[in-house]
Amino acid sequence: MRSVFVFLLLITVASAEVFERCEWARKLKANGMDGYSGVSLANWVCLTKHESNYNTKATNHNTDGSTDFGIFQINSRWLSNHRRIRSANGWNIDCNVLLIDDVTSAINCAKRIVREQGITAWVAWRTRCQGQDLRPYLFGCGL
């Protein structure tokens, strides 16, 4: 039984979409993220680089019992269907949709977060992107 679990885990990890920087920038732009809520495309690319390294299957278990999910590392406190923590804001989104290769739900969640709290809701943006020269995140992408 354990070998079946390990095999399934390896298949899941192997099927993770890990975007290349420019490919991800184009995907964000196509989904209306360039300038969304006043946040430049370079800021979104920087944020996701340092949150997940552009990996749709990224997860991080936090010491407070919450979990960060997907390419934007959206915390389970924002969501209501996480098995450990119930959300006060009741988004009613299954965290697993943030881990699939179709990033539509993840982008929509990120849009909601930035509308409600701003880009500073992400620690990685505050520590790695804020006040930095972000031109390298779009360099050579033809955007």
N, C-alpha and C. Protein backbone atom coordinates (compact mmCIF):
# COMPACT_ATOMS: atom_id res chain seq x y z
N MET A 1 0.82 -1.20 0.00
CA MET A 1 0.00 0.00 0.00
C MET A 1 0.87 1.26 0.00
N ARG A 2 1.93 1.23 0.80
CA ARG A 2 2.81 2.40 0.88
C ARG A 2 3.45 2.69 -0.48
N SER A 3 3.84 1.66 -1.22
CA SER A 3 4.46 1.87 -2.52
C SER A 3 3.47 2.49 -3.51
N VAL A 4 2.20 2.14 -3.40
CA VAL A 4 1.18 2.75 -4.26
C VAL A 4 1.05 4.23 -3.94
N PHE A 5 1.05 4.57 -2.65
CA PHE A 5 0.96 5.97 -2.22
C PHE A 5 2.16 6.77 -2.74
N VAL A 6 3.36 6.21 -2.59
CA VAL A 6 4.57 6.89 -3.06
C VAL A 6 4.51 7.08 -4.57
N PHE A 7 4.05 6.08 -5.30
CA PHE A 7 3.92 6.18 -6.76
C PHE A 7 2.95 7.29 -7.14
N LEU A 8 1.79 7.33 -6.48
CA LEU A 8 0.80 8.38 -6.76
C LEU A 8 1.33 9.76 -6.41
N LEU A 9 2.07 9.85 -5.33
CA LEU A 9 2.68 11.12 -4.94
C LEU A 9 3.68 11.58 -6.00
N LEU A 10 4.48 10.67 -6.50
CA LEU A 10 5.46 11.01 -7.53
C LEU A 10 4.77 11.46 -8.82
N ILE A 11 3.67 10.82 -9.17
CA ILE A 11 2.93 11.23 -10.36
C ILE A 11 2.40 12.64 -10.17
N THR A 12 1.85 12.93 -9.00
CA THR A 12 1.32 14.27 -8.73
C THR A 12 2.41 15.32 -8.82
N VAL A 13 3.56 15.06 -8.20
CA VAL A 13 4.66 16.02 -8.23
C VAL A 13 5.19 16.16 -9.66
N ALA A 14 5.30 15.05 -10.36
CA ALA A 14 5.81 15.10 -11.72
C ALA A 14 4.89 15.88 -12.65
N SER A 15 3.59 15.91 -12.34
CA SER A 15 2.66 16.59 -13.22
C SER A 15 2.49 18.07 -12.88
N ALA A 16 3.22 18.54 -11.90
CA ALA A 16 3.13 19.95 -11.53
C ALA A 16 3.60 20.82 -12.68
N GLU A 17 2.86 21.88 -12.91
CA GLU A 17 3.27 22.87 -13.91
C GLU A 17 4.22 23.84 -13.22
N VAL A 18 5.42 23.89 -13.71
CA VAL A 18 6.38 24.88 -13.25
C VAL A 18 6.66 25.76 -14.46
N PHE A 19 6.13 26.96 -14.41
CA PHE A 19 6.23 27.87 -15.54
C PHE A 19 7.65 28.43 -15.66
N GLU A 20 8.03 28.70 -16.87
CA GLU A 20 9.22 29.52 -17.14
C GLU A 20 8.80 30.97 -16.91
N ARG A 21 9.73 31.80 -16.53
CA ARG A 21 9.45 33.19 -16.17
C ARG A 21 8.63 33.93 -17.23
N CYS A 22 9.08 33.93 -18.47
CA CYS A 22 8.38 34.68 -19.52
C CYS A 22 7.03 34.05 -19.86
N GLU A 23 6.97 32.73 -19.85
CA GLU A 23 5.70 32.04 -20.09
C GLU A 23 4.68 32.46 -19.03
N TRP A 24 5.12 32.51 -17.77
CA TRP A 24 4.25 32.92 -16.67
C TRP A 24 3.84 34.39 -16.80
N ALA A 25 4.76 35.24 -17.19
CA ALA A 25 4.44 36.66 -17.39
C ALA A 25 3.38 36.80 -18.48
N ARG A 26 3.50 36.05 -19.56
CA ARG A 26 2.49 36.11 -20.62
C ARG A 26 1.14 35.60 -20.14
N LYS A 27 1.14 34.55 -19.34
CA LYS A 27 -0.10 33.99 -18.79
C LYS A 27 -0.78 35.01 -17.88
N LEU A 28 0.00 35.66 -17.02
CA LEU A 28 -0.55 36.70 -16.15
C LEU A 28 -1.13 37.85 -16.97
N LYS A 29 -0.40 38.29 -17.97
CA LYS A 29 -0.86 39.40 -18.81
C LYS A 29 -2.16 39.03 -19.52
N ALA A 30 -2.23 37.82 -20.05
CA ALA A 30 -3.43 37.35 -20.74
C ALA A 30 -4.64 37.28 -19.81
N ASN A 31 -4.39 37.15 -18.53
CA ASN A 31 -5.46 37.07 -17.54
C ASN A 31 -5.72 38.40 -16.83
N GLY A 32 -5.24 39.47 -17.42
CA GLY A 32 -5.56 40.80 -16.91
C GLY A 32 -4.82 41.24 -15.66
N MET A 33 -3.66 40.65 -15.40
CA MET A 33 -2.94 40.98 -14.17
C MET A 33 -2.03 42.20 -14.31
N ASP A 34 -1.67 42.59 -15.51
CA ASP A 34 -0.78 43.74 -15.70
C ASP A 34 -1.54 45.01 -15.36
N GLY A 35 -1.20 45.61 -14.25
CA GLY A 35 -1.87 46.82 -13.79
C GLY A 35 -3.10 46.56 -12.95
N TYR A 36 -3.44 45.29 -12.71
CA TYR A 36 -4.63 44.98 -11.91
C TYR A 36 -4.49 45.57 -10.51
N SER A 37 -5.46 46.37 -10.12
CA SER A 37 -5.47 47.03 -8.81
C SER A 37 -4.20 47.84 -8.60
N GLY A 38 -3.64 48.36 -9.70
CA GLY A 38 -2.45 49.19 -9.62
C GLY A 38 -1.15 48.42 -9.46
N VAL A 39 -1.19 47.10 -9.62
CA VAL A 39 0.00 46.26 -9.45
C VAL A 39 0.56 45.89 -10.82
N SER A 40 1.81 46.24 -11.05
CA SER A 40 2.43 45.97 -12.35
C SER A 40 2.68 44.47 -12.55
N LEU A 41 2.81 44.11 -13.81
CA LEU A 41 3.10 42.73 -14.17
C LEU A 41 4.41 42.26 -13.53
N ALA A 42 5.41 43.11 -13.52
CA ALA A 42 6.70 42.75 -12.91
C ALA A 42 6.55 42.42 -11.43
N ASN A 43 5.67 43.12 -10.73
CA ASN A 43 5.42 42.82 -9.32
C ASN A 43 4.80 41.44 -9.14
N TRP A 44 3.86 41.08 -10.01
CA TRP A 44 3.24 39.75 -9.92
C TRP A 44 4.26 38.65 -10.21
N VAL A 45 5.11 38.88 -11.20
CA VAL A 45 6.11 37.88 -11.55
C VAL A 45 7.11 37.73 -10.40
N CYS A 46 7.54 38.84 -9.84
CA CYS A 46 8.45 38.79 -8.69
C CYS A 46 7.81 38.07 -7.51
N LEU A 47 6.58 38.43 -7.19
CA LEU A 47 5.87 37.82 -6.07
C LEU A 47 5.81 36.30 -6.21
N THR A 48 5.38 35.82 -7.38
CA THR A 48 5.23 34.38 -7.56
C THR A 48 6.57 33.65 -7.66
N LYS A 49 7.60 34.34 -8.14
CA LYS A 49 8.94 33.75 -8.13
C LYS A 49 9.35 33.40 -6.70
N HIS A 50 9.13 34.34 -5.80
CA HIS A 50 9.60 34.15 -4.43
C HIS A 50 8.61 33.41 -3.54
N GLU A 51 7.35 33.33 -3.96
CA GLU A 51 6.38 32.53 -3.20
C GLU A 51 6.47 31.05 -3.57
N SER A 52 6.55 30.75 -4.87
CA SER A 52 6.43 29.35 -5.30
C SER A 52 7.43 28.91 -6.35
N ASN A 53 8.28 29.83 -6.81
CA ASN A 53 9.18 29.55 -7.93
C ASN A 53 8.37 29.13 -9.16
N TYR A 54 7.20 29.76 -9.34
CA TYR A 54 6.30 29.55 -10.47
C TYR A 54 5.73 28.13 -10.53
N ASN A 55 5.59 27.48 -9.40
CA ASN A 55 5.14 26.09 -9.33
C ASN A 55 3.68 26.03 -8.89
N THR A 56 2.82 25.46 -9.73
CA THR A 56 1.40 25.37 -9.41
C THR A 56 1.10 24.43 -8.25
N LYS A 57 1.98 23.50 -7.96
CA LYS A 57 1.74 22.51 -6.91
C LYS A 57 2.42 22.85 -5.59
N ALA A 58 3.00 24.03 -5.49
CA ALA A 58 3.72 24.39 -4.27
C ALA A 58 2.78 24.45 -3.06
N THR A 59 3.23 23.89 -1.95
CA THR A 59 2.50 24.01 -0.68
C THR A 59 3.51 24.30 0.42
N ASN A 60 3.04 24.97 1.43
CA ASN A 60 3.87 25.26 2.59
C ASN A 60 3.00 25.18 3.83
N HIS A 61 3.39 24.32 4.77
CA HIS A 61 2.65 24.17 6.02
C HIS A 61 3.26 25.12 7.05
N ASN A 62 2.44 26.01 7.57
CA ASN A 62 2.88 27.04 8.50
C ASN A 62 2.74 26.58 9.95
N THR A 63 3.49 27.20 10.82
CA THR A 63 3.48 26.82 12.24
C THR A 63 2.14 27.08 12.92
N ASP A 64 1.32 27.96 12.35
CA ASP A 64 0.00 28.24 12.94
C ASP A 64 -1.06 27.23 12.52
N GLY A 65 -0.67 26.20 11.75
CA GLY A 65 -1.60 25.18 11.30
C GLY A 65 -2.22 25.48 9.94
N SER A 66 -1.98 26.64 9.41
CA SER A 66 -2.51 26.97 8.08
C SER A 66 -1.54 26.46 7.02
N THR A 67 -2.01 26.46 5.78
CA THR A 67 -1.20 26.00 4.66
C THR A 67 -1.30 27.01 3.53
N ASP A 68 -0.18 27.24 2.84
CA ASP A 68 -0.14 28.09 1.66
C ASP A 68 -0.22 27.18 0.43
N PHE A 69 -1.05 27.57 -0.53
CA PHE A 69 -1.33 26.71 -1.68
C PHE A 69 -1.02 27.38 -3.01
N GLY A 70 -0.38 26.64 -3.90
CA GLY A 70 -0.28 27.00 -5.30
C GLY A 70 0.76 28.05 -5.63
N ILE A 71 0.65 28.52 -6.85
CA ILE A 71 1.65 29.41 -7.43
C ILE A 71 1.72 30.76 -6.71
N PHE A 72 0.59 31.20 -6.13
CA PHE A 72 0.57 32.44 -5.36
C PHE A 72 0.74 32.20 -3.86
N GLN A 73 0.78 30.92 -3.46
CA GLN A 73 0.88 30.55 -2.05
C GLN A 73 -0.23 31.24 -1.24
N ILE A 74 -1.45 31.02 -1.66
CA ILE A 74 -2.62 31.59 -0.99
C ILE A 74 -2.89 30.79 0.27
N ASN A 75 -2.97 31.50 1.38
CA ASN A 75 -3.09 30.87 2.68
C ASN A 75 -4.50 30.33 2.90
N SER A 76 -4.57 29.18 3.54
CA SER A 76 -5.86 28.53 3.80
C SER A 76 -6.78 29.39 4.66
N ARG A 77 -6.25 30.36 5.37
CA ARG A 77 -7.12 31.25 6.16
C ARG A 77 -8.07 32.04 5.26
N TRP A 78 -7.70 32.21 3.98
CA TRP A 78 -8.57 32.91 3.03
C TRP A 78 -9.69 32.02 2.52
N LEU A 79 -9.57 30.73 2.71
CA LEU A 79 -10.47 29.77 2.09
C LEU A 79 -11.30 29.07 3.15
N SER A 80 -12.45 28.51 2.75
CA SER A 80 -13.32 27.90 3.75
C SER A 80 -13.35 26.39 3.70
N ASN A 81 -12.76 25.76 2.71
CA ASN A 81 -12.84 24.30 2.62
C ASN A 81 -11.55 23.59 3.03
N HIS A 82 -10.64 24.30 3.66
CA HIS A 82 -9.42 23.66 4.14
C HIS A 82 -9.79 22.77 5.32
N ARG A 83 -9.23 21.63 5.40
CA ARG A 83 -9.63 20.66 6.41
C ARG A 83 -9.25 21.06 7.84
N ARG A 84 -8.29 21.96 8.02
CA ARG A 84 -7.84 22.31 9.36
C ARG A 84 -8.40 23.63 9.88
N ILE A 85 -8.57 24.57 9.00
CA ILE A 85 -8.96 25.91 9.45
C ILE A 85 -10.17 26.39 8.67
N ARG A 86 -11.17 26.87 9.36
CA ARG A 86 -12.33 27.46 8.71
C ARG A 86 -12.07 28.96 8.54
N SER A 87 -12.42 29.48 7.40
CA SER A 87 -12.17 30.88 7.11
C SER A 87 -13.31 31.75 7.60
N ALA A 88 -12.95 32.87 8.19
CA ALA A 88 -13.96 33.82 8.64
C ALA A 88 -14.64 34.51 7.47
N ASN A 89 -13.93 34.64 6.35
CA ASN A 89 -14.51 35.37 5.23
C ASN A 89 -15.30 34.47 4.27
N GLY A 90 -15.23 33.15 4.46
CA GLY A 90 -16.07 32.22 3.73
C GLY A 90 -16.00 32.28 2.22
N TRP A 91 -14.84 32.16 1.64
CA TRP A 91 -14.71 32.18 0.19
C TRP A 91 -15.32 30.94 -0.45
N ASN A 92 -15.41 29.86 0.33
CA ASN A 92 -15.97 28.61 -0.16
C ASN A 92 -15.23 28.09 -1.40
N ILE A 93 -13.92 28.06 -1.33
CA ILE A 93 -13.07 27.54 -2.40
C ILE A 93 -12.29 26.36 -1.85
N ASP A 94 -12.29 25.27 -2.57
CA ASP A 94 -11.50 24.11 -2.19
C ASP A 94 -10.04 24.43 -2.49
N CYS A 95 -9.18 24.28 -1.51
CA CYS A 95 -7.77 24.61 -1.67
C CYS A 95 -7.13 23.85 -2.82
N ASN A 96 -7.63 22.67 -3.11
CA ASN A 96 -7.04 21.85 -4.16
C ASN A 96 -7.13 22.50 -5.54
N VAL A 97 -8.10 23.39 -5.78
CA VAL A 97 -8.17 24.05 -7.09
C VAL A 97 -7.01 25.01 -7.28
N LEU A 98 -6.33 25.36 -6.20
CA LEU A 98 -5.16 26.23 -6.31
C LEU A 98 -3.90 25.45 -6.69
N LEU A 99 -4.02 24.13 -6.76
CA LEU A 99 -2.87 23.28 -7.04
C LEU A 99 -2.93 22.64 -8.42
N ILE A 100 -3.89 23.03 -9.23
CA ILE A 100 -4.00 22.44 -10.57
C ILE A 100 -3.28 23.33 -11.58
N ASP A 101 -2.99 22.74 -12.73
CA ASP A 101 -2.24 23.46 -13.75
C ASP A 101 -3.04 24.59 -14.40
N ASP A 102 -4.37 24.50 -14.38
CA ASP A 102 -5.21 25.61 -14.86
C ASP A 102 -5.22 26.65 -13.74
N VAL A 103 -4.51 27.73 -13.95
CA VAL A 103 -4.29 28.73 -12.89
C VAL A 103 -5.40 29.77 -12.78
N THR A 104 -6.51 29.56 -13.47
CA THR A 104 -7.61 30.53 -13.46
C THR A 104 -8.09 30.82 -12.04
N SER A 105 -8.36 29.78 -11.25
CA SER A 105 -8.85 29.99 -9.88
C SER A 105 -7.81 30.68 -9.02
N ALA A 106 -6.55 30.31 -9.19
CA ALA A 106 -5.48 30.94 -8.41
C ALA A 106 -5.39 32.42 -8.75
N ILE A 107 -5.47 32.75 -10.03
CA ILE A 107 -5.41 34.16 -10.44
C ILE A 107 -6.60 34.93 -9.90
N ASN A 108 -7.79 34.33 -9.97
CA ASN A 108 -8.97 35.00 -9.43
C ASN A 108 -8.86 35.23 -7.93
N CYS A 109 -8.30 34.27 -7.21
CA CYS A 109 -8.08 34.45 -5.77
C CYS A 109 -7.08 35.56 -5.50
N ALA A 110 -6.01 35.58 -6.28
CA ALA A 110 -4.99 36.63 -6.10
C ALA A 110 -5.61 38.00 -6.37
N LYS A 111 -6.45 38.10 -7.38
CA LYS A 111 -7.13 39.36 -7.67
C LYS A 111 -7.99 39.80 -6.48
N ARG A 112 -8.69 38.86 -5.90
CA ARG A 112 -9.54 39.20 -4.75
C ARG A 112 -8.70 39.67 -3.57
N ILE A 113 -7.61 38.97 -3.31
CA ILE A 113 -6.75 39.35 -2.19
C ILE A 113 -6.19 40.75 -2.41
N VAL A 114 -5.70 41.04 -3.60
CA VAL A 114 -5.10 42.35 -3.85
C VAL A 114 -6.17 43.45 -3.79
N ARG A 115 -7.40 43.14 -4.19
CA ARG A 115 -8.49 44.12 -4.07
C ARG A 115 -8.81 44.40 -2.60
N GLU A 116 -8.81 43.35 -1.79
CA GLU A 116 -9.23 43.49 -0.39
C GLU A 116 -8.12 43.95 0.55
N GLN A 117 -6.87 43.55 0.26
CA GLN A 117 -5.78 43.85 1.18
C GLN A 117 -4.58 44.53 0.54
N GLY A 118 -4.51 44.49 -0.76
CA GLY A 118 -3.35 45.05 -1.44
C GLY A 118 -2.26 44.02 -1.60
N ILE A 119 -1.26 44.38 -2.37
CA ILE A 119 -0.13 43.48 -2.65
C ILE A 119 0.68 43.17 -1.40
N THR A 120 0.59 44.04 -0.40
CA THR A 120 1.35 43.82 0.83
C THR A 120 0.84 42.63 1.64
N ALA A 121 -0.26 42.02 1.22
CA ALA A 121 -0.74 40.81 1.89
C ALA A 121 0.27 39.67 1.76
N TRP A 122 1.13 39.73 0.74
CA TRP A 122 2.12 38.68 0.52
C TRP A 122 3.46 39.08 1.16
N VAL A 123 3.93 38.28 2.08
CA VAL A 123 5.20 38.53 2.75
C VAL A 123 6.34 38.55 1.75
N ALA A 124 6.34 37.62 0.81
CA ALA A 124 7.43 37.55 -0.17
C ALA A 124 7.52 38.83 -0.98
N TRP A 125 6.38 39.44 -1.29
CA TRP A 125 6.43 40.70 -2.04
C TRP A 125 7.07 41.78 -1.18
N ARG A 126 6.67 41.86 0.10
CA ARG A 126 7.21 42.89 0.99
C ARG A 126 8.71 42.73 1.19
N THR A 127 9.18 41.50 1.29
CA THR A 127 10.59 41.26 1.62
C THR A 127 11.49 41.15 0.40
N ARG A 128 10.94 40.77 -0.76
CA ARG A 128 11.80 40.50 -1.91
C ARG A 128 11.55 41.40 -3.11
N CYS A 129 10.38 42.06 -3.18
CA CYS A 129 10.02 42.82 -4.38
C CYS A 129 9.83 44.32 -4.11
N GLN A 130 9.27 44.64 -2.98
CA GLN A 130 8.95 46.04 -2.68
C GLN A 130 10.22 46.89 -2.72
N GLY A 131 10.16 47.96 -3.50
CA GLY A 131 11.27 48.90 -3.59
C GLY A 131 12.46 48.41 -4.40
N GLN A 132 12.33 47.28 -5.06
CA GLN A 132 13.43 46.71 -5.85
C GLN A 132 13.26 47.07 -7.33
N ASP A 133 14.35 46.96 -8.08
CA ASP A 133 14.30 47.10 -9.53
C ASP A 133 13.73 45.79 -10.07
N LEU A 134 12.52 45.84 -10.60
CA LEU A 134 11.83 44.63 -11.05
C LEU A 134 11.95 44.39 -12.55
N ARG A 135 12.68 45.24 -13.25
CA ARG A 135 12.83 45.07 -14.70
C ARG A 135 13.36 43.69 -15.09
N PRO A 136 14.28 43.09 -14.33
CA PRO A 136 14.77 41.77 -14.72
C PRO A 136 13.69 40.69 -14.80
N TYR A 137 12.57 40.88 -14.11
CA TYR A 137 11.51 39.86 -14.12
C TYR A 137 10.79 39.80 -15.46
N LEU A 138 10.88 40.86 -16.25
CA LEU A 138 10.24 40.88 -17.56
C LEU A 138 11.25 40.96 -18.70
N PHE A 139 12.52 41.04 -18.36
CA PHE A 139 13.57 41.19 -19.36
C PHE A 139 13.53 40.03 -20.35
N GLY A 140 13.56 40.37 -21.63
CA GLY A 140 13.62 39.37 -22.68
C GLY A 140 12.30 38.67 -22.97
N CYS A 141 11.23 39.11 -22.33
CA CYS A 141 9.94 38.45 -22.52
C CYS A 141 9.13 39.06 -23.66
N GLY A 142 9.57 40.19 -24.18
CA GLY A 142 8.87 40.81 -25.29
C GLY A 142 7.50 41.38 -24.90
N LEU A 143 7.38 41.78 -23.66
CA LEU A 143 6.09 42.33 -23.20
C LEU A 143 6.14 43.84 -23.10
